[in-house]
Amino acid sequence: MFAIVGVLSGPLLRGQIFRHSVPAGQPWRTKCPRCNCSLGRSVRWDAGLALPITGRCPRCRAAIGPPLLTVEVATASVLALLAWRVDGLPLVAYTWAAIVCVVLCWVDVAVHRLPHRLSLSAFGGAVLLLGAAAITTNQLSRFGLTIACACAVTMFYCGLLLLNPSGIGAGDVVTSSLAGLTAGWHGWPAAIAATLAGFLLSGIFAVALLVSGGARAKDQLPHGPFMLTAALAVVVLAS
């Protein structure tokens, strides 16, 4: 069921990826880069429409957004994995966070940016749903620990931003609260493991690119996908 949700949400997520894949300081994209036709409400959160699954402009048929079926397959796979390991309201919380995180990962890869509006939407929804799960199962202390983990991970990233502004961005700091929250539902060890694993994955990928000649030492790589992938892995293993 959740895999089907992932497939069906693909066109909407494509619209969000297309809309938010712009450099910082530029307005959200609503026009086809080739024919400049307005896509209007088809790329807005409150729309009932979305970009077609073909990833092409409805007017000029130019390719826009991610390649065919990539978003759908990625979303369905993540949601199926979560449904396999998580139950109850926490699954709903993780589903919401995962859907938004798919958009975040694609945008970060495209333009090295993690829009705050997306990260905060994912974080806010996850807080409400995990809070509801804690109330209905009488686990308020667990929820308090979860919030503490989110705050601690965010403060850690804030420290990294102050020490190395060229290596960590404000978007990474805001998004780290979501990673800390989702992993922190399973306790401090999970939150710490997710944080360290994110940097480990990022480092391994960077070294592989350097060795293969796919990047130079001064090139900046998106950290968001590794941070969120690590959080997902820890949630699956800890559940």
Protein backbone atom coordinates (compact mmCIF):
# COMPACT_ATOMS: atom_id res chain seq x y z
CA MET A 1 0.00 0.00 0.00
CA PHE A 2 2.68 2.49 1.00
CA ALA A 3 4.68 1.63 -2.12
CA ILE A 4 1.58 2.48 -4.17
CA VAL A 5 1.34 5.79 -2.34
CA GLY A 6 4.94 6.45 -3.35
CA VAL A 7 4.17 5.81 -7.01
CA LEU A 8 1.01 7.91 -7.00
CA SER A 9 2.72 10.83 -5.28
CA GLY A 10 5.46 10.90 -7.92
CA PRO A 11 3.92 13.56 -10.19
CA LEU A 12 3.32 15.91 -7.26
CA LEU A 13 6.86 15.40 -5.99
CA ARG A 14 8.19 16.04 -9.49
CA GLY A 15 6.43 19.37 -9.46
CA GLN A 16 8.04 20.29 -6.14
CA ILE A 17 11.49 19.22 -7.31
CA PHE A 18 11.11 21.31 -10.47
CA ARG A 19 9.76 24.29 -8.51
CA HIS A 20 12.48 24.34 -5.85
CA SER A 21 15.52 23.47 -7.98
CA VAL A 22 16.76 27.04 -8.28
CA PRO A 23 19.85 28.71 -6.79
CA ALA A 24 19.48 30.60 -3.53
CA GLY A 25 18.09 34.08 -3.97
CA GLN A 26 16.04 33.28 -7.05
CA PRO A 27 12.23 32.96 -7.07
CA TRP A 28 10.70 29.51 -7.16
CA ARG A 29 10.43 28.23 -10.70
CA THR A 30 7.01 28.13 -12.35
CA LYS A 31 7.91 28.34 -16.05
CA CYS A 32 9.36 25.91 -18.54
CA PRO A 33 13.03 26.84 -19.11
CA ARG A 34 12.67 26.15 -22.84
CA CYS A 35 9.37 27.66 -24.02
CA ASN A 36 8.83 29.89 -20.97
CA CYS A 37 5.22 28.83 -20.68
CA SER A 38 3.73 29.25 -17.22
CA LEU A 39 3.09 26.03 -15.36
CA GLY A 40 1.23 27.99 -12.67
CA ARG A 41 -0.58 25.91 -10.10
CA SER A 42 0.85 22.66 -11.43
CA VAL A 43 3.98 23.12 -9.31
CA ARG A 44 2.46 24.45 -6.10
CA TRP A 45 1.98 22.55 -2.84
CA ASP A 46 -1.73 23.40 -2.77
CA ALA A 47 -2.39 22.26 -6.33
CA GLY A 48 -4.47 19.34 -7.39
CA LEU A 49 -2.30 19.02 -10.50
CA ALA A 50 1.35 18.11 -10.88
CA LEU A 51 4.04 17.60 -13.48
CA PRO A 52 3.36 14.58 -15.71
CA ILE A 53 5.16 11.36 -14.94
CA THR A 54 6.92 11.66 -18.33
CA GLY A 55 8.89 14.63 -16.99
CA ARG A 56 8.06 16.79 -20.01
CA CYS A 57 6.56 20.22 -20.47
CA PRO A 58 2.88 19.88 -21.45
CA ARG A 59 3.34 22.51 -24.16
CA CYS A 60 6.74 22.09 -25.85
CA ARG A 61 7.43 18.53 -24.61
CA ALA A 62 10.90 19.52 -23.38
CA ALA A 63 12.31 17.38 -20.58
CA ILE A 64 11.86 19.09 -17.21
CA GLY A 65 12.47 17.71 -13.76
CA PRO A 66 13.91 14.28 -12.90
CA PRO A 67 14.17 11.44 -15.46
CA LEU A 68 11.24 9.16 -16.15
CA LEU A 69 10.10 7.04 -13.14
CA THR A 70 13.14 7.82 -10.98
CA VAL A 71 11.18 9.75 -8.36
CA GLU A 72 8.38 7.21 -8.32
CA VAL A 73 10.71 4.24 -7.87
CA ALA A 74 12.76 5.98 -5.18
CA THR A 75 9.70 7.07 -3.20
CA ALA A 76 7.99 3.69 -3.46
CA SER A 77 11.15 1.90 -2.36
CA VAL A 78 11.67 4.11 0.69
CA LEU A 79 8.04 3.88 1.79
CA ALA A 80 7.95 0.10 1.30
CA LEU A 81 11.11 -0.21 3.41
CA LEU A 82 9.60 1.89 6.19
CA ALA A 83 6.29 -0.01 6.08
CA TRP A 84 8.25 -3.25 6.48
CA ARG A 85 9.92 -2.11 9.70
CA VAL A 86 7.67 0.53 11.33
CA ASP A 87 4.09 0.34 12.61
CA GLY A 88 1.38 2.69 13.85
CA LEU A 89 1.52 6.47 13.95
CA PRO A 90 5.34 6.54 13.78
CA LEU A 91 4.98 5.01 10.30
CA VAL A 92 2.72 7.89 9.28
CA ALA A 93 5.28 10.36 10.65
CA TYR A 94 8.13 8.68 8.80
CA THR A 95 6.07 8.47 5.63
CA TRP A 96 5.43 12.20 5.65
CA ALA A 97 9.09 12.96 6.38
CA ALA A 98 10.29 10.53 3.70
CA ILE A 99 8.07 12.00 1.00
CA VAL A 100 9.41 15.51 1.63
CA CYS A 101 12.96 14.18 1.96
CA VAL A 102 12.80 12.72 -1.54
CA VAL A 103 12.22 16.26 -2.81
CA LEU A 104 14.99 17.63 -0.58
CA CYS A 105 17.52 15.10 -1.85
CA TRP A 106 16.75 15.79 -5.49
CA VAL A 107 16.91 19.55 -5.02
CA ASP A 108 20.18 19.35 -3.10
CA VAL A 109 21.79 17.26 -5.82
CA ALA A 110 20.51 19.64 -8.51
CA VAL A 111 21.40 23.01 -6.99
CA HIS A 112 23.19 22.27 -3.67
CA ARG A 113 20.32 23.72 -1.69
CA LEU A 114 17.97 22.47 1.02
CA PRO A 115 15.03 24.91 1.06
CA HIS A 116 13.95 25.76 4.60
CA ARG A 117 10.27 25.62 3.68
CA LEU A 118 10.63 21.94 2.79
CA SER A 119 12.80 20.98 5.75
CA LEU A 120 10.57 22.78 8.22
CA SER A 121 7.43 21.27 6.68
CA ALA A 122 8.88 17.78 7.08
CA PHE A 123 10.08 18.52 10.63
CA GLY A 124 6.82 20.11 11.77
CA GLY A 125 4.68 17.28 10.44
CA ALA A 126 6.94 14.64 11.95
CA VAL A 127 6.90 16.39 15.35
CA LEU A 128 3.09 16.50 15.40
CA LEU A 129 2.70 12.87 14.34
CA LEU A 130 5.38 11.50 16.67
CA GLY A 131 3.88 13.59 19.46
CA ALA A 132 0.49 12.03 18.74
CA ALA A 133 2.09 8.59 18.76
CA ALA A 134 3.70 9.33 22.14
CA ILE A 135 0.42 10.53 23.64
CA THR A 136 -1.64 7.58 22.40
CA THR A 137 0.92 5.06 23.64
CA ASN A 138 1.82 6.89 26.86
CA GLN A 139 5.44 7.48 25.82
CA LEU A 140 5.82 11.18 26.58
CA SER A 141 9.30 10.65 28.03
CA ARG A 142 10.34 9.03 24.77
CA PHE A 143 8.99 11.99 22.83
CA GLY A 144 10.90 14.36 25.09
CA LEU A 145 14.08 12.42 24.40
CA THR A 146 13.33 12.58 20.69
CA ILE A 147 13.07 16.38 20.79
CA ALA A 148 16.29 16.54 22.82
CA CYS A 149 18.07 14.45 20.16
CA ALA A 150 16.80 16.75 17.42
CA CYS A 151 18.07 19.80 19.30
CA ALA A 152 21.44 18.21 20.03
CA VAL A 153 22.04 17.20 16.40
CA THR A 154 21.01 20.67 15.24
CA MET A 155 23.40 22.33 17.70
CA PHE A 156 26.18 20.04 16.49
CA TYR A 157 25.57 21.18 12.92
CA CYS A 158 25.41 24.79 14.06
CA GLY A 159 28.87 24.35 15.51
CA LEU A 160 30.13 22.93 12.24
CA LEU A 161 28.61 25.86 10.36
CA LEU A 162 30.48 28.31 12.59
CA LEU A 163 33.74 26.41 12.24
CA ASN A 164 33.50 25.75 8.51
CA PRO A 165 30.89 27.89 6.71
CA SER A 166 32.14 26.72 3.31
CA GLY A 167 31.56 23.07 4.16
CA ILE A 168 28.19 23.18 5.91
CA GLY A 169 25.28 25.37 4.85
CA ALA A 170 22.29 26.76 6.71
CA GLY A 171 20.10 24.29 4.85
CA ASP A 172 22.12 21.42 6.28
CA VAL A 173 21.65 22.81 9.78
CA VAL A 174 17.87 23.10 9.44
CA THR A 175 17.55 19.68 7.81
CA SER A 176 19.71 18.09 10.50
CA SER A 177 16.88 18.72 12.96
CA LEU A 178 14.73 16.34 10.91
CA ALA A 179 17.47 13.69 10.81
CA GLY A 180 17.98 14.02 14.55
CA LEU A 181 14.25 13.81 15.21
CA THR A 182 13.54 10.72 13.11
CA ALA A 183 16.57 8.81 14.39
CA GLY A 184 16.13 10.18 17.92
CA TRP A 185 12.78 8.41 18.30
CA HIS A 186 14.95 5.34 18.83
CA GLY A 187 17.21 6.98 21.42
CA TRP A 188 20.55 8.75 21.71
CA PRO A 189 22.63 5.92 20.20
CA ALA A 190 20.49 6.00 17.05
CA ALA A 191 20.75 9.79 16.73
CA ILE A 192 24.53 9.69 17.17
CA ALA A 193 24.88 6.78 14.74
CA ALA A 194 22.78 8.56 12.11
CA THR A 195 24.85 11.73 12.42
CA LEU A 196 28.18 9.94 12.14
CA ALA A 197 26.97 7.68 9.35
CA GLY A 198 25.90 10.70 7.32
CA PHE A 199 29.42 12.09 7.36
CA LEU A 200 30.90 8.66 6.74
CA LEU A 201 28.78 8.13 3.63
CA SER A 202 29.55 11.62 2.40
CA GLY A 203 33.27 11.08 2.92
CA ILE A 204 33.31 7.73 1.15
CA PHE A 205 31.47 9.22 -1.82
CA ALA A 206 33.84 12.20 -1.96
CA VAL A 207 36.91 9.95 -1.92
CA ALA A 208 35.43 7.75 -4.65
CA LEU A 209 34.81 10.80 -6.84
CA LEU A 210 38.33 12.10 -6.27
CA VAL A 211 39.91 8.75 -7.09
CA SER A 212 37.79 8.34 -10.23
CA GLY A 213 38.42 11.91 -11.37
CA GLY A 214 34.74 12.82 -11.10
CA ALA A 215 35.46 15.74 -8.78
CA ARG A 216 38.26 17.99 -7.59
CA ALA A 217 39.33 18.65 -4.03
CA LYS A 218 37.74 22.11 -4.06
CA ASP A 219 34.38 20.94 -5.40
CA GLN A 220 31.43 21.11 -3.03
CA LEU A 221 29.20 18.07 -2.72
CA PRO A 222 25.64 18.00 -1.41
CA HIS A 223 25.50 16.61 2.11
CA GLY A 224 21.71 16.40 2.49
CA PRO A 225 21.20 13.09 0.66
CA PHE A 226 23.83 11.36 2.79
CA MET A 227 22.48 12.83 6.04
CA LEU A 228 18.93 11.73 5.25
CA THR A 229 19.94 8.32 3.86
CA ALA A 230 21.88 7.62 7.06
CA ALA A 231 18.87 8.60 9.16
CA LEU A 232 16.66 6.27 7.10
CA ALA A 233 19.10 3.39 7.50
CA VAL A 234 19.28 3.86 11.28
CA VAL A 235 15.48 4.03 11.57
CA VAL A 236 15.08 0.81 9.59
CA LEU A 237 17.75 -1.02 11.56
CA ALA A 238 16.57 0.26 14.95
CA SER A 239 12.86 -0.43 14.41
